[in-house]
């Protein structure tokens, strides 16, 4: 997948709730996703479930401090892999500034460690 973000990326773990956010009666199925990277603007991941571009999904992102950030992701790109999996590019919808700052601080520390 071609790099389209300005922010540096880092890998974390997450779960994704597969649910139509426009239908309150819809049942949410949970899928574990393979997070490729995360920045303060969004998440790139691989999943086994076909998602829809433009759809919004609920996620629980476990960050480096073992805290879980509850967030919503809007799918902006999908590529199907040869293994019948899906590489997804998403952006955060309404991510609180405090959580975006947590990701940004970790990114800074990670960058400084790489330079050392």
PDB file of N, CA and C in Angstrom:
ATOM      1  N   UNK A   1       0.858  -1.165   0.000  1.00  0.00           N
ATOM      2  CA  UNK A   1       0.000   0.000   0.000  1.00  0.00           C
ATOM      3  C   UNK A   1       0.901   1.224   0.000  1.00  0.00           C
ATOM      4  N   UNK A   2       0.633   2.169  -0.872  1.00  0.00           N
ATOM      5  CA  UNK A   2       1.440   3.375  -0.976  1.00  0.00           C
ATOM      6  C   UNK A   2       1.252   4.267   0.250  1.00  0.00           C
ATOM      7  N   UNK A   3       2.378   4.818   0.759  1.00  0.00           N
ATOM      8  CA  UNK A   3       2.356   5.699   1.933  1.00  0.00           C
ATOM      9  C   UNK A   3       1.639   6.999   1.588  1.00  0.00           C
ATOM     10  N   UNK A   4       0.618   7.356   2.377  1.00  0.00           N
ATOM     11  CA  UNK A   4      -0.134   8.574   2.127  1.00  0.00           C
ATOM     12  C   UNK A   4      -0.195   9.482   3.337  1.00  0.00           C
ATOM     13  N   UNK A   5       0.394   9.077   4.471  1.00  0.00           N
ATOM     14  CA  UNK A   5       0.300   9.869   5.690  1.00  0.00           C
ATOM     15  C   UNK A   5       1.526  10.731   5.881  1.00  0.00           C
ATOM     16  N   UNK A   6       1.325  11.847   6.592  1.00  0.00           N
ATOM     17  CA  UNK A   6       2.432  12.714   6.953  1.00  0.00           C
ATOM     18  C   UNK A   6       3.121  12.212   8.213  1.00  0.00           C
ATOM     19  N   UNK A   7       2.369  11.646   9.158  1.00  0.00           N
ATOM     20  CA  UNK A   7       2.918  11.218  10.435  1.00  0.00           C
ATOM     21  C   UNK A   7       3.691   9.915  10.311  1.00  0.00           C
ATOM     22  N   UNK A   8       4.682   9.737  11.213  1.00  0.00           N
ATOM     23  CA  UNK A   8       5.396   8.466  11.273  1.00  0.00           C
ATOM     24  C   UNK A   8       4.433   7.410  11.775  1.00  0.00           C
ATOM     25  N   UNK A   9       4.726   6.155  11.501  1.00  0.00           N
ATOM     26  CA  UNK A   9       3.833   5.071  11.878  1.00  0.00           C
ATOM     27  C   UNK A   9       4.480   4.145  12.885  1.00  0.00           C
ATOM     28  N   UNK A  10       3.661   3.457  13.654  1.00  0.00           N
ATOM     29  CA  UNK A  10       4.152   2.477  14.627  1.00  0.00           C
ATOM     30  C   UNK A  10       3.132   1.359  14.747  1.00  0.00           C
ATOM     31  N   UNK A  11       3.565   0.158  15.093  1.00  0.00           N
ATOM     32  CA  UNK A  11       2.659  -0.973  15.198  1.00  0.00           C
ATOM     33  C   UNK A  11       2.128  -1.166  16.608  1.00  0.00           C
ATOM     34  N   UNK A  12       0.835  -1.448  16.728  1.00  0.00           N
ATOM     35  CA  UNK A  12       0.180  -1.730  18.001  1.00  0.00           C
ATOM     36  C   UNK A  12      -0.832  -2.846  17.760  1.00  0.00           C
ATOM     37  N   UNK A  13      -1.528  -3.301  18.805  1.00  0.00           N
ATOM     38  CA  UNK A  13      -2.539  -4.335  18.624  1.00  0.00           C
ATOM     39  C   UNK A  13      -3.934  -3.733  18.777  1.00  0.00           C
ATOM     40  N   UNK A  14      -4.914  -4.378  18.149  1.00  0.00           N
ATOM     41  CA  UNK A  14      -6.274  -3.833  18.207  1.00  0.00           C
ATOM     42  C   UNK A  14      -7.317  -4.894  17.888  1.00  0.00           C
ATOM     43  N   UNK A  15      -8.554  -4.585  18.279  1.00  0.00           N
ATOM     44  CA  UNK A  15      -9.733  -5.364  17.904  1.00  0.00           C
ATOM     45  C   UNK A  15     -10.656  -4.414  17.155  1.00  0.00           C
ATOM     46  N   UNK A  16     -11.381  -4.927  16.218  1.00  0.00           N
ATOM     47  CA  UNK A  16     -12.302  -4.126  15.429  1.00  0.00           C
ATOM     48  C   UNK A  16     -13.695  -4.719  15.553  1.00  0.00           C
ATOM     49  N   UNK A  17     -14.690  -3.874  15.816  1.00  0.00           N
ATOM     50  CA  UNK A  17     -16.075  -4.330  15.834  1.00  0.00           C
ATOM     51  C   UNK A  17     -16.647  -4.127  14.440  1.00  0.00           C
ATOM     52  N   UNK A  18     -17.068  -5.214  13.828  1.00  0.00           N
ATOM     53  CA  UNK A  18     -17.649  -5.159  12.494  1.00  0.00           C
ATOM     54  C   UNK A  18     -19.146  -4.967  12.677  1.00  0.00           C
ATOM     55  N   UNK A  19     -19.589  -3.733  12.515  1.00  0.00           N
ATOM     56  CA  UNK A  19     -20.996  -3.397  12.736  1.00  0.00           C
ATOM     57  C   UNK A  19     -21.352  -2.181  11.898  1.00  0.00           C
ATOM     58  N   UNK A  20     -22.534  -2.203  11.328  1.00  0.00           N
ATOM     59  CA  UNK A  20     -23.032  -1.043  10.612  1.00  0.00           C
ATOM     60  C   UNK A  20     -23.391   0.015  11.650  1.00  0.00           C
ATOM     61  N   UNK A  21     -22.625   1.090  11.725  1.00  0.00           N
ATOM     62  CA  UNK A  21     -22.828   2.114  12.751  1.00  0.00           C
ATOM     63  C   UNK A  21     -24.114   2.907  12.524  1.00  0.00           C
ATOM     64  N   UNK A  22     -24.775   2.719  11.367  1.00  0.00           N
ATOM     65  CA  UNK A  22     -26.029   3.412  11.084  1.00  0.00           C
ATOM     66  C   UNK A  22     -27.252   2.597  11.483  1.00  0.00           C
ATOM     67  N   UNK A  23     -27.037   1.361  11.968  1.00  0.00           N
ATOM     68  CA  UNK A  23     -28.142   0.486  12.329  1.00  0.00           C
ATOM     69  C   UNK A  23     -27.961   0.033  13.775  1.00  0.00           C
ATOM     70  N   UNK A  24     -28.714   0.651  14.692  1.00  0.00           N
ATOM     71  CA  UNK A  24     -28.582   0.337  16.116  1.00  0.00           C
ATOM     72  C   UNK A  24     -28.960  -1.104  16.446  1.00  0.00           C
ATOM     73  N   UNK A  25     -29.775  -1.734  15.615  1.00  0.00           N
ATOM     74  CA  UNK A  25     -30.185  -3.105  15.909  1.00  0.00           C
ATOM     75  C   UNK A  25     -29.198  -4.133  15.345  1.00  0.00           C
ATOM     76  N   UNK A  26     -28.223  -3.676  14.570  1.00  0.00           N
ATOM     77  CA  UNK A  26     -27.269  -4.611  13.973  1.00  0.00           C
ATOM     78  C   UNK A  26     -26.367  -5.208  15.043  1.00  0.00           C
ATOM     79  N   UNK A  27     -26.097  -6.506  14.893  1.00  0.00           N
ATOM     80  CA  UNK A  27     -25.216  -7.201  15.823  1.00  0.00           C
ATOM     81  C   UNK A  27     -23.774  -6.897  15.449  1.00  0.00           C
ATOM     82  N   UNK A  28     -22.949  -6.644  16.461  1.00  0.00           N
ATOM     83  CA  UNK A  28     -21.535  -6.364  16.221  1.00  0.00           C
ATOM     84  C   UNK A  28     -20.739  -7.659  16.305  1.00  0.00           C
ATOM     85  N   UNK A  29     -20.022  -7.975  15.247  1.00  0.00           N
ATOM     86  CA  UNK A  29     -19.089  -9.096  15.264  1.00  0.00           C
ATOM     87  C   UNK A  29     -17.708  -8.518  15.520  1.00  0.00           C
ATOM     88  N   UNK A  30     -16.942  -9.196  16.352  1.00  0.00           N
ATOM     89  CA  UNK A  30     -15.612  -8.700  16.678  1.00  0.00           C
ATOM     90  C   UNK A  30     -14.570  -9.429  15.848  1.00  0.00           C
ATOM     91  N   UNK A  31     -13.609  -8.669  15.325  1.00  0.00           N
ATOM     92  CA  UNK A  31     -12.516  -9.251  14.564  1.00  0.00           C
ATOM     93  C   UNK A  31     -11.203  -8.726  15.123  1.00  0.00           C
ATOM     94  N   UNK A  32     -10.252  -9.632  15.302  1.00  0.00           N
ATOM     95  CA  UNK A  32      -8.914  -9.206  15.680  1.00  0.00           C
ATOM     96  C   UNK A  32      -8.232  -8.783  14.391  1.00  0.00           C
ATOM     97  N   UNK A  33      -7.609  -7.620  14.418  1.00  0.00           N
ATOM     98  CA  UNK A  33      -6.937  -7.124  13.226  1.00  0.00           C
ATOM     99  C   UNK A  33      -5.437  -7.095  13.471  1.00  0.00           C
ATOM    100  N   UNK A  34      -4.689  -7.222  12.408  1.00  0.00           N
ATOM    101  CA  UNK A  34      -3.231  -7.150  12.460  1.00  0.00           C
ATOM    102  C   UNK A  34      -2.840  -5.716  12.126  1.00  0.00           C
ATOM    103  N   UNK A  35      -2.508  -4.951  13.161  1.00  0.00           N
ATOM    104  CA  UNK A  35      -2.174  -3.544  12.961  1.00  0.00           C
ATOM    105  C   UNK A  35      -0.800  -3.453  12.324  1.00  0.00           C
ATOM    106  N   UNK A  36      -0.748  -2.794  11.182  1.00  0.00           N
ATOM    107  CA  UNK A  36       0.520  -2.583  10.502  1.00  0.00           C
ATOM    108  C   UNK A  36       1.191  -1.322  11.034  1.00  0.00           C
ATOM    109  N   UNK A  37       0.385  -0.316  11.285  1.00  0.00           N
ATOM    110  CA  UNK A  37       0.909   0.950  11.741  1.00  0.00           C
ATOM    111  C   UNK A  37      -0.212   1.843  12.240  1.00  0.00           C
ATOM    112  N   UNK A  38       0.179   2.826  13.019  1.00  0.00           N
ATOM    113  CA  UNK A  38      -0.783   3.792  13.533  1.00  0.00           C
ATOM    114  C   UNK A  38      -0.080   5.138  13.639  1.00  0.00           C
ATOM    115  N   UNK A  39      -0.794   6.183  13.329  1.00  0.00           N
ATOM    116  CA  UNK A  39      -0.295   7.537  13.512  1.00  0.00           C
ATOM    117  C   UNK A  39      -1.401   8.304  14.218  1.00  0.00           C
ATOM    118  N   UNK A  40      -1.160   9.565  14.507  1.00  0.00           N
ATOM    119  CA  UNK A  40      -2.194  10.331  15.202  1.00  0.00           C
ATOM    120  C   UNK A  40      -3.403  10.600  14.301  1.00  0.00           C
ATOM    121  N   UNK A  41      -3.288  10.298  13.005  1.00  0.00           N
ATOM    122  CA  UNK A  41      -4.413  10.532  12.098  1.00  0.00           C
ATOM    123  C   UNK A  41      -5.174   9.268  11.716  1.00  0.00           C
ATOM    124  N   UNK A  42      -4.566   8.081  11.880  1.00  0.00           N
ATOM    125  CA  UNK A  42      -5.276   6.877  11.472  1.00  0.00           C
ATOM    126  C   UNK A  42      -4.504   5.599  11.707  1.00  0.00           C
ATOM    127  N   UNK A  43      -5.066   4.499  11.200  1.00  0.00           N
ATOM    128  CA  UNK A  43      -4.512   3.168  11.417  1.00  0.00           C
ATOM    129  C   UNK A  43      -4.498   2.413  10.092  1.00  0.00           C
ATOM    130  N   UNK A  44      -3.407   1.698   9.851  1.00  0.00           N
ATOM    131  CA  UNK A  44      -3.318   0.771   8.731  1.00  0.00           C
ATOM    132  C   UNK A  44      -3.323  -0.626   9.306  1.00  0.00           C
ATOM    133  N   UNK A  45      -4.120  -1.525   8.735  1.00  0.00           N
ATOM    134  CA  UNK A  45      -4.199  -2.872   9.279  1.00  0.00           C
ATOM    135  C   UNK A  45      -4.598  -3.872   8.218  1.00  0.00           C
ATOM    136  N   UNK A  46      -4.424  -5.145   8.576  1.00  0.00           N
ATOM    137  CA  UNK A  46      -4.867  -6.256   7.733  1.00  0.00           C
ATOM    138  C   UNK A  46      -5.963  -6.989   8.484  1.00  0.00           C
ATOM    139  N   UNK A  47      -7.023  -7.354   7.774  1.00  0.00           N
ATOM    140  CA  UNK A  47      -8.082  -8.154   8.390  1.00  0.00           C
ATOM    141  C   UNK A  47      -8.563  -9.206   7.396  1.00  0.00           C
ATOM    142  N   UNK A  48      -9.290 -10.181   7.911  1.00  0.00           N
ATOM    143  CA  UNK A  48      -9.804 -11.263   7.080  1.00  0.00           C
ATOM    144  C   UNK A  48     -11.222 -10.990   6.589  1.00  0.00           C
ATOM    145  N   UNK A  49     -11.811  -9.907   7.072  1.00  0.00           N
ATOM    146  CA  UNK A  49     -13.196  -9.571   6.758  1.00  0.00           C
ATOM    147  C   UNK A  49     -13.232  -8.422   5.743  1.00  0.00           C
ATOM    148  N   UNK A  50     -13.991  -8.562   4.652  1.00  0.00           N
ATOM    149  CA  UNK A  50     -14.077  -7.449   3.709  1.00  0.00           C
ATOM    150  C   UNK A  50     -14.850  -6.281   4.321  1.00  0.00           C
ATOM    151  N   UNK A  51     -14.235  -5.118   4.340  1.00  0.00           N
ATOM    152  CA  UNK A  51     -14.874  -3.906   4.857  1.00  0.00           C
ATOM    153  C   UNK A  51     -15.299  -3.048   3.678  1.00  0.00           C
ATOM    154  N   UNK A  52     -15.975  -1.947   3.963  1.00  0.00           N
ATOM    155  CA  UNK A  52     -16.454  -1.061   2.907  1.00  0.00           C
ATOM    156  C   UNK A  52     -15.767   0.286   2.991  1.00  0.00           C
ATOM    157  N   UNK A  53     -15.300   0.790   1.849  1.00  0.00           N
ATOM    158  CA  UNK A  53     -14.711   2.127   1.814  1.00  0.00           C
ATOM    159  C   UNK A  53     -15.798   3.129   2.187  1.00  0.00           C
ATOM    160  N   UNK A  54     -15.440   4.059   3.062  1.00  0.00           N
ATOM    161  CA  UNK A  54     -16.377   5.070   3.534  1.00  0.00           C
ATOM    162  C   UNK A  54     -17.130   4.677   4.792  1.00  0.00           C
ATOM    163  N   UNK A  55     -17.100   3.388   5.142  1.00  0.00           N
ATOM    164  CA  UNK A  55     -17.793   2.918   6.337  1.00  0.00           C
ATOM    165  C   UNK A  55     -16.996   3.277   7.586  1.00  0.00           C
ATOM    166  N   UNK A  56     -17.717   3.432   8.696  1.00  0.00           N
ATOM    167  CA  UNK A  56     -17.095   3.747   9.982  1.00  0.00           C
ATOM    168  C   UNK A  56     -17.236   2.538  10.889  1.00  0.00           C
ATOM    169  N   UNK A  57     -16.114   2.142  11.502  1.00  0.00           N
ATOM    170  CA  UNK A  57     -16.082   0.993  12.385  1.00  0.00           C
ATOM    171  C   UNK A  57     -15.541   1.400  13.748  1.00  0.00           C
ATOM    172  N   UNK A  58     -16.017   0.711  14.768  1.00  0.00           N
ATOM    173  CA  UNK A  58     -15.584   0.956  16.135  1.00  0.00           C
ATOM    174  C   UNK A  58     -14.357   0.087  16.421  1.00  0.00           C
ATOM    175  N   UNK A  59     -13.379   0.617  17.141  1.00  0.00           N
ATOM    176  CA  UNK A  59     -12.181  -0.146  17.452  1.00  0.00           C
ATOM    177  C   UNK A  59     -11.724   0.092  18.878  1.00  0.00           C
ATOM    178  N   UNK A  60     -10.974  -0.876  19.373  1.00  0.00           N
ATOM    179  CA  UNK A  60     -10.321  -0.776  20.683  1.00  0.00           C
ATOM    180  C   UNK A  60      -8.838  -1.004  20.430  1.00  0.00           C
ATOM    181  N   UNK A  61      -8.066   0.057  20.496  1.00  0.00           N
ATOM    182  CA  UNK A  61      -6.649   0.036  20.164  1.00  0.00           C
ATOM    183  C   UNK A  61      -5.820  -0.024  21.438  1.00  0.00           C
ATOM    184  N   UNK A  62      -5.075  -1.111  21.601  1.00  0.00           N
ATOM    185  CA  UNK A  62      -4.223  -1.254  22.786  1.00  0.00           C
ATOM    186  C   UNK A  62      -2.889  -0.582  22.501  1.00  0.00           C
ATOM    187  N   UNK A  63      -2.566   0.451  23.298  1.00  0.00           N
ATOM    188  CA  UNK A  63      -1.350   1.209  23.058  1.00  0.00           C
ATOM    189  C   UNK A  63      -0.213   0.696  23.928  1.00  0.00           C
ATOM    190  N   UNK A  64       0.974   1.262  23.729  1.00  0.00           N
ATOM    191  CA  UNK A  64       2.205   0.797  24.380  1.00  0.00           C
ATOM    192  C   UNK A  64       2.149   0.809  25.891  1.00  0.00           C
ATOM    193  N   UNK A  65       1.281   1.589  26.508  1.00  0.00           N
ATOM    194  CA  UNK A  65       1.167   1.632  27.970  1.00  0.00           C
ATOM    195  C   UNK A  65       0.180   0.588  28.475  1.00  0.00           C
ATOM    196  N   UNK A  66      -0.318  -0.257  27.581  1.00  0.00           N
ATOM    197  CA  UNK A  66      -1.340  -1.273  27.835  1.00  0.00           C
ATOM    198  C   UNK A  66      -2.720  -0.671  28.090  1.00  0.00           C
ATOM    199  N   UNK A  67      -2.866   0.628  27.895  1.00  0.00           N
ATOM    200  CA  UNK A  67      -4.189   1.258  27.946  1.00  0.00           C
ATOM    201  C   UNK A  67      -4.900   0.980  26.630  1.00  0.00           C
ATOM    202  N   UNK A  68      -6.215   1.023  26.653  1.00  0.00           N
ATOM    203  CA  UNK A  68      -7.005   0.789  25.454  1.00  0.00           C
ATOM    204  C   UNK A  68      -7.710   2.080  25.064  1.00  0.00           C
ATOM    205  N   UNK A  69      -7.498   2.485  23.819  1.00  0.00           N
ATOM    206  CA  UNK A  69      -8.162   3.673  23.290  1.00  0.00           C
ATOM    207  C   UNK A  69      -9.378   3.214  22.493  1.00  0.00           C
ATOM    208  N   UNK A  70     -10.527   3.700  22.884  1.00  0.00           N
ATOM    209  CA  UNK A  70     -11.771   3.419  22.159  1.00  0.00           C
ATOM    210  C   UNK A  70     -11.889   4.495  21.083  1.00  0.00           C
ATOM    211  N   UNK A  71     -12.022   4.076  19.824  1.00  0.00           N
ATOM    212  CA  UNK A  71     -12.045   5.049  18.728  1.00  0.00           C
ATOM    213  C   UNK A  71     -12.919   4.545  17.593  1.00  0.00           C
ATOM    214  N   UNK A  72     -13.190   5.449  16.674  1.00  0.00           N
ATOM    215  CA  UNK A  72     -13.930   5.116  15.462  1.00  0.00           C
ATOM    216  C   UNK A  72     -13.027   5.376  14.264  1.00  0.00           C
ATOM    217  N   UNK A  73     -13.053   4.451  13.304  1.00  0.00           N
ATOM    218  CA  UNK A  73     -12.200   4.526  12.130  1.00  0.00           C
ATOM    219  C   UNK A  73     -13.045   4.555  10.863  1.00  0.00           C
ATOM    220  N   UNK A  74     -12.692   5.454   9.965  1.00  0.00           N
ATOM    221  CA  UNK A  74     -13.352   5.512   8.654  1.00  0.00           C
ATOM    222  C   UNK A  74     -12.396   4.918   7.624  1.00  0.00           C
ATOM    223  N   UNK A  75     -12.873   3.942   6.869  1.00  0.00           N
ATOM    224  CA  UNK A  75     -12.054   3.264   5.867  1.00  0.00           C
ATOM    225  C   UNK A  75     -11.909   4.173   4.649  1.00  0.00           C
ATOM    226  N   UNK A  76     -10.638   4.441   4.273  1.00  0.00           N
ATOM    227  CA  UNK A  76     -10.378   5.289   3.107  1.00  0.00           C
ATOM    228  C   UNK A  76      -9.710   4.524   1.963  1.00  0.00           C
ATOM    229  N   UNK A  77      -9.079   3.364   2.268  1.00  0.00           N
ATOM    230  CA  UNK A  77      -8.434   2.548   1.233  1.00  0.00           C
ATOM    231  C   UNK A  77      -8.523   1.073   1.612  1.00  0.00           C
ATOM    232  N   UNK A  78      -8.692   0.230   0.599  1.00  0.00           N
ATOM    233  CA  UNK A  78      -8.671  -1.221   0.803  1.00  0.00           C
ATOM    234  C   UNK A  78      -7.956  -1.845  -0.387  1.00  0.00           C
ATOM    235  N   UNK A  79      -7.063  -2.783  -0.087  1.00  0.00           N
ATOM    236  CA  UNK A  79      -6.422  -3.578  -1.126  1.00  0.00           C
ATOM    237  C   UNK A  79      -6.522  -5.043  -0.713  1.00  0.00           C
ATOM    238  N   UNK A  80      -6.948  -5.886  -1.633  1.00  0.00           N
ATOM    239  CA  UNK A  80      -7.015  -7.315  -1.331  1.00  0.00           C
ATOM    240  C   UNK A  80      -5.647  -7.932  -1.602  1.00  0.00           C
ATOM    241  N   UNK A  81      -5.185  -8.776  -0.674  1.00  0.00           N
ATOM    242  CA  UNK A  81      -3.894  -9.426  -0.835  1.00  0.00           C
ATOM    243  C   UNK A  81      -4.063 -10.743  -1.586  1.00  0.00           C
ATOM    244  N   UNK A  82      -2.947 -11.326  -1.987  1.00  0.00           N
ATOM    245  CA  UNK A  82      -2.999 -12.622  -2.672  1.00  0.00           C
ATOM    246  C   UNK A  82      -3.520 -13.721  -1.756  1.00  0.00           C
ATOM    247  N   UNK A  83      -3.395 -13.510  -0.427  1.00  0.00           N
ATOM    248  CA  UNK A  83      -3.854 -14.509   0.546  1.00  0.00           C
ATOM    249  C   UNK A  83      -5.328 -14.319   0.909  1.00  0.00           C
ATOM    250  N   UNK A  84      -6.076 -13.560   0.106  1.00  0.00           N
ATOM    251  CA  UNK A  84      -7.500 -13.316   0.368  1.00  0.00           C
ATOM    252  C   UNK A  84      -7.729 -12.566   1.680  1.00  0.00           C
ATOM    253  N   UNK A  85      -6.812 -11.689   2.035  1.00  0.00           N
ATOM    254  CA  UNK A  85      -6.962 -10.818   3.199  1.00  0.00           C
ATOM    255  C   UNK A  85      -7.101  -9.397   2.677  1.00  0.00           C
ATOM    256  N   UNK A  86      -7.353  -8.457   3.579  1.00  0.00           N
ATOM    257  CA  UNK A  86      -7.614  -7.088   3.163  1.00  0.00           C
ATOM    258  C   UNK A  86      -6.719  -6.113   3.929  1.00  0.00           C
ATOM    259  N   UNK A  87      -5.937  -5.324   3.184  1.00  0.00           N
ATOM    260  CA  UNK A  87      -5.121  -4.267   3.779  1.00  0.00           C
ATOM    261  C   UNK A  87      -5.963  -2.996   3.751  1.00  0.00           C
ATOM    262  N   UNK A  88      -6.178  -2.413   4.930  1.00  0.00           N
ATOM    263  CA  UNK A  88      -7.066  -1.260   5.039  1.00  0.00           C
ATOM    264  C   UNK A  88      -6.315  -0.040   5.557  1.00  0.00           C
ATOM    265  N   UNK A  89      -6.624   1.090   4.977  1.00  0.00           N
ATOM    266  CA  UNK A  89      -6.142   2.371   5.468  1.00  0.00           C
ATOM    267  C   UNK A  89      -7.335   3.123   6.021  1.00  0.00           C
ATOM    268  N   UNK A  90      -7.219   3.610   7.254  1.00  0.00           N
ATOM    269  CA  UNK A  90      -8.348   4.289   7.901  1.00  0.00           C
ATOM    270  C   UNK A  90      -7.897   5.594   8.526  1.00  0.00           C
ATOM    271  N   UNK A  91      -8.858   6.463   8.786  1.00  0.00           N
ATOM    272  CA  UNK A  91      -8.594   7.692   9.524  1.00  0.00           C
ATOM    273  C   UNK A  91      -9.458   7.695  10.780  1.00  0.00           C
ATOM    274  N   UNK A  92      -8.938   8.309  11.839  1.00  0.00           N
ATOM    275  CA  UNK A  92      -9.715   8.435  13.061  1.00  0.00           C
ATOM    276  C   UNK A  92     -10.854   9.424  12.841  1.00  0.00           C
ATOM    277  N   UNK A  93     -12.007   9.111  13.426  1.00  0.00           N
ATOM    278  CA  UNK A  93     -13.159  10.013  13.425  1.00  0.00           C
ATOM    279  C   UNK A  93     -13.372  10.455  14.866  1.00  0.00           C
ATOM    280  N   UNK A  94     -13.202  11.732  15.142  1.00  0.00           N
ATOM    281  CA  UNK A  94     -13.480  12.268  16.474  1.00  0.00           C
ATOM    282  C   UNK A  94     -12.554  11.771  17.562  1.00  0.00           C
ATOM    283  N   UNK A  95     -11.296  11.474  17.236  1.00  0.00           N
ATOM    284  CA  UNK A  95     -10.349  11.022  18.258  1.00  0.00           C
ATOM    285  C   UNK A  95     -10.050  12.177  19.203  1.00  0.00           C
ATOM    286  N   UNK A  96     -10.270  11.983  20.510  1.00  0.00           N
ATOM    287  CA  UNK A  96      -9.984  13.059  21.462  1.00  0.00           C
ATOM    288  C   UNK A  96      -8.511  13.485  21.381  1.00  0.00           C
ATOM    289  N   UNK A  97      -8.271  14.770  21.527  1.00  0.00           N
ATOM    290  CA  UNK A  97      -6.918  15.317  21.424  1.00  0.00           C
ATOM    291  C   UNK A  97      -5.953  14.646  22.391  1.00  0.00           C
ATOM    292  N   UNK A  98      -6.428  14.266  23.579  1.00  0.00           N
ATOM    293  CA  UNK A  98      -5.567  13.609  24.549  1.00  0.00           C
ATOM    294  C   UNK A  98      -5.020  12.285  23.996  1.00  0.00           C
ATOM    295  N   UNK A  99      -5.867  11.521  23.308  1.00  0.00           N
ATOM    296  CA  UNK A  99      -5.419  10.256  22.737  1.00  0.00           C
ATOM    297  C   UNK A  99      -4.501  10.480  21.538  1.00  0.00           C
ATOM    298  N   UNK A 100      -4.790  11.487  20.734  1.00  0.00           N
ATOM    299  CA  UNK A 100      -3.904  11.814  19.618  1.00  0.00           C
ATOM    300  C   UNK A 100      -2.541  12.241  20.151  1.00  0.00           C
ATOM    301  N   UNK A 101      -2.529  12.971  21.260  1.00  0.00           N
ATOM    302  CA  UNK A 101      -1.273  13.418  21.868  1.00  0.00           C
ATOM    303  C   UNK A 101      -0.478  12.220  22.394  1.00  0.00           C
ATOM    304  N   UNK A 102      -1.153  11.210  22.934  1.00  0.00           N
ATOM    305  CA  UNK A 102      -0.465  10.002  23.413  1.00  0.00           C
ATOM    306  C   UNK A 102       0.287   9.331  22.264  1.00  0.00           C
ATOM    307  N   UNK A 103      -0.369   9.216  21.141  1.00  0.00           N
ATOM    308  CA  UNK A 103       0.247   8.599  19.973  1.00  0.00           C
ATOM    309  C   UNK A 103       1.419   9.444  19.490  1.00  0.00           C
ATOM    310  N   UNK A 104       1.244  10.753  19.489  1.00  0.00           N
ATOM    311  CA  UNK A 104       2.302  11.659  19.038  1.00  0.00           C
ATOM    312  C   UNK A 104       3.523  11.603  19.957  1.00  0.00           C
ATOM    313  N   UNK A 105       3.307  11.538  21.279  1.00  0.00           N
ATOM    314  CA  UNK A 105       4.420  11.452  22.232  1.00  0.00           C
ATOM    315  C   UNK A 105       5.183  10.151  22.026  1.00  0.00           C
ATOM    316  N   UNK A 106       4.472   9.040  21.872  1.00  0.00           N
ATOM    317  CA  UNK A 106       5.138   7.772  21.644  1.00  0.00           C
ATOM    318  C   UNK A 106       5.950   7.825  20.356  1.00  0.00           C
ATOM    319  N   UNK A 107       5.398   8.447  19.330  1.00  0.00           N
ATOM    320  CA  UNK A 107       6.086   8.585  18.054  1.00  0.00           C
ATOM    321  C   UNK A 107       7.398   9.344  18.245  1.00  0.00           C
ATOM    322  N   UNK A 108       7.376  10.412  19.013  1.00  0.00           N
ATOM    323  CA  UNK A 108       8.572  11.208  19.276  1.00  0.00           C
ATOM    324  C   UNK A 108       9.621  10.373  20.013  1.00  0.00           C
ATOM    325  N   UNK A 109       9.203   9.661  21.047  1.00  0.00           N
ATOM    326  CA  UNK A 109      10.135   8.822  21.818  1.00  0.00           C
ATOM    327  C   UNK A 109      10.710   7.723  20.925  1.00  0.00           C
ATOM    328  N   UNK A 110       9.867   7.098  20.132  1.00  0.00           N
ATOM    329  CA  UNK A 110      10.302   6.055  19.222  1.00  0.00           C
ATOM    330  C   UNK A 110      11.321   6.594  18.223  1.00  0.00           C
ATOM    331  N   UNK A 111      11.094   7.774  17.702  1.00  0.00           N
ATOM    332  CA  UNK A 111      11.994   8.410  16.751  1.00  0.00           C
ATOM    333  C   UNK A 111      13.343   8.725  17.404  1.00  0.00           C
ATOM    334  N   UNK A 112      13.315   9.238  18.632  1.00  0.00           N
ATOM    335  CA  UNK A 112      14.559   9.545  19.351  1.00  0.00           C
ATOM    336  C   UNK A 112      15.362   8.276  19.625  1.00  0.00           C
ATOM    337  N   UNK A 113      14.688   7.185  19.971  1.00  0.00           N
ATOM    338  CA  UNK A 113      15.361   5.915  20.209  1.00  0.00           C
ATOM    339  C   UNK A 113      16.011   5.372  18.940  1.00  0.00           C
ATOM    340  N   UNK A 114      15.376   5.588  17.797  1.00  0.00           N
ATOM    341  CA  UNK A 114      15.939   5.140  16.524  1.00  0.00           C
ATOM    342  C   UNK A 114      17.213   5.891  16.178  1.00  0.00           C
ATOM    343  N   UNK A 115      17.276   7.177  16.570  1.00  0.00           N
ATOM    344  CA  UNK A 115      18.443   7.998  16.269  1.00  0.00           C
ATOM    345  C   UNK A 115      19.619   7.680  17.190  1.00  0.00           C
ATOM    346  N   UNK A 116      19.325   7.148  18.375  1.00  0.00           N
ATOM    347  CA  UNK A 116      20.394   6.874  19.366  1.00  0.00           C
ATOM    348  C   UNK A 116      21.234   5.676  18.997  1.00  0.00           C
TER     349      UNK A 116
END
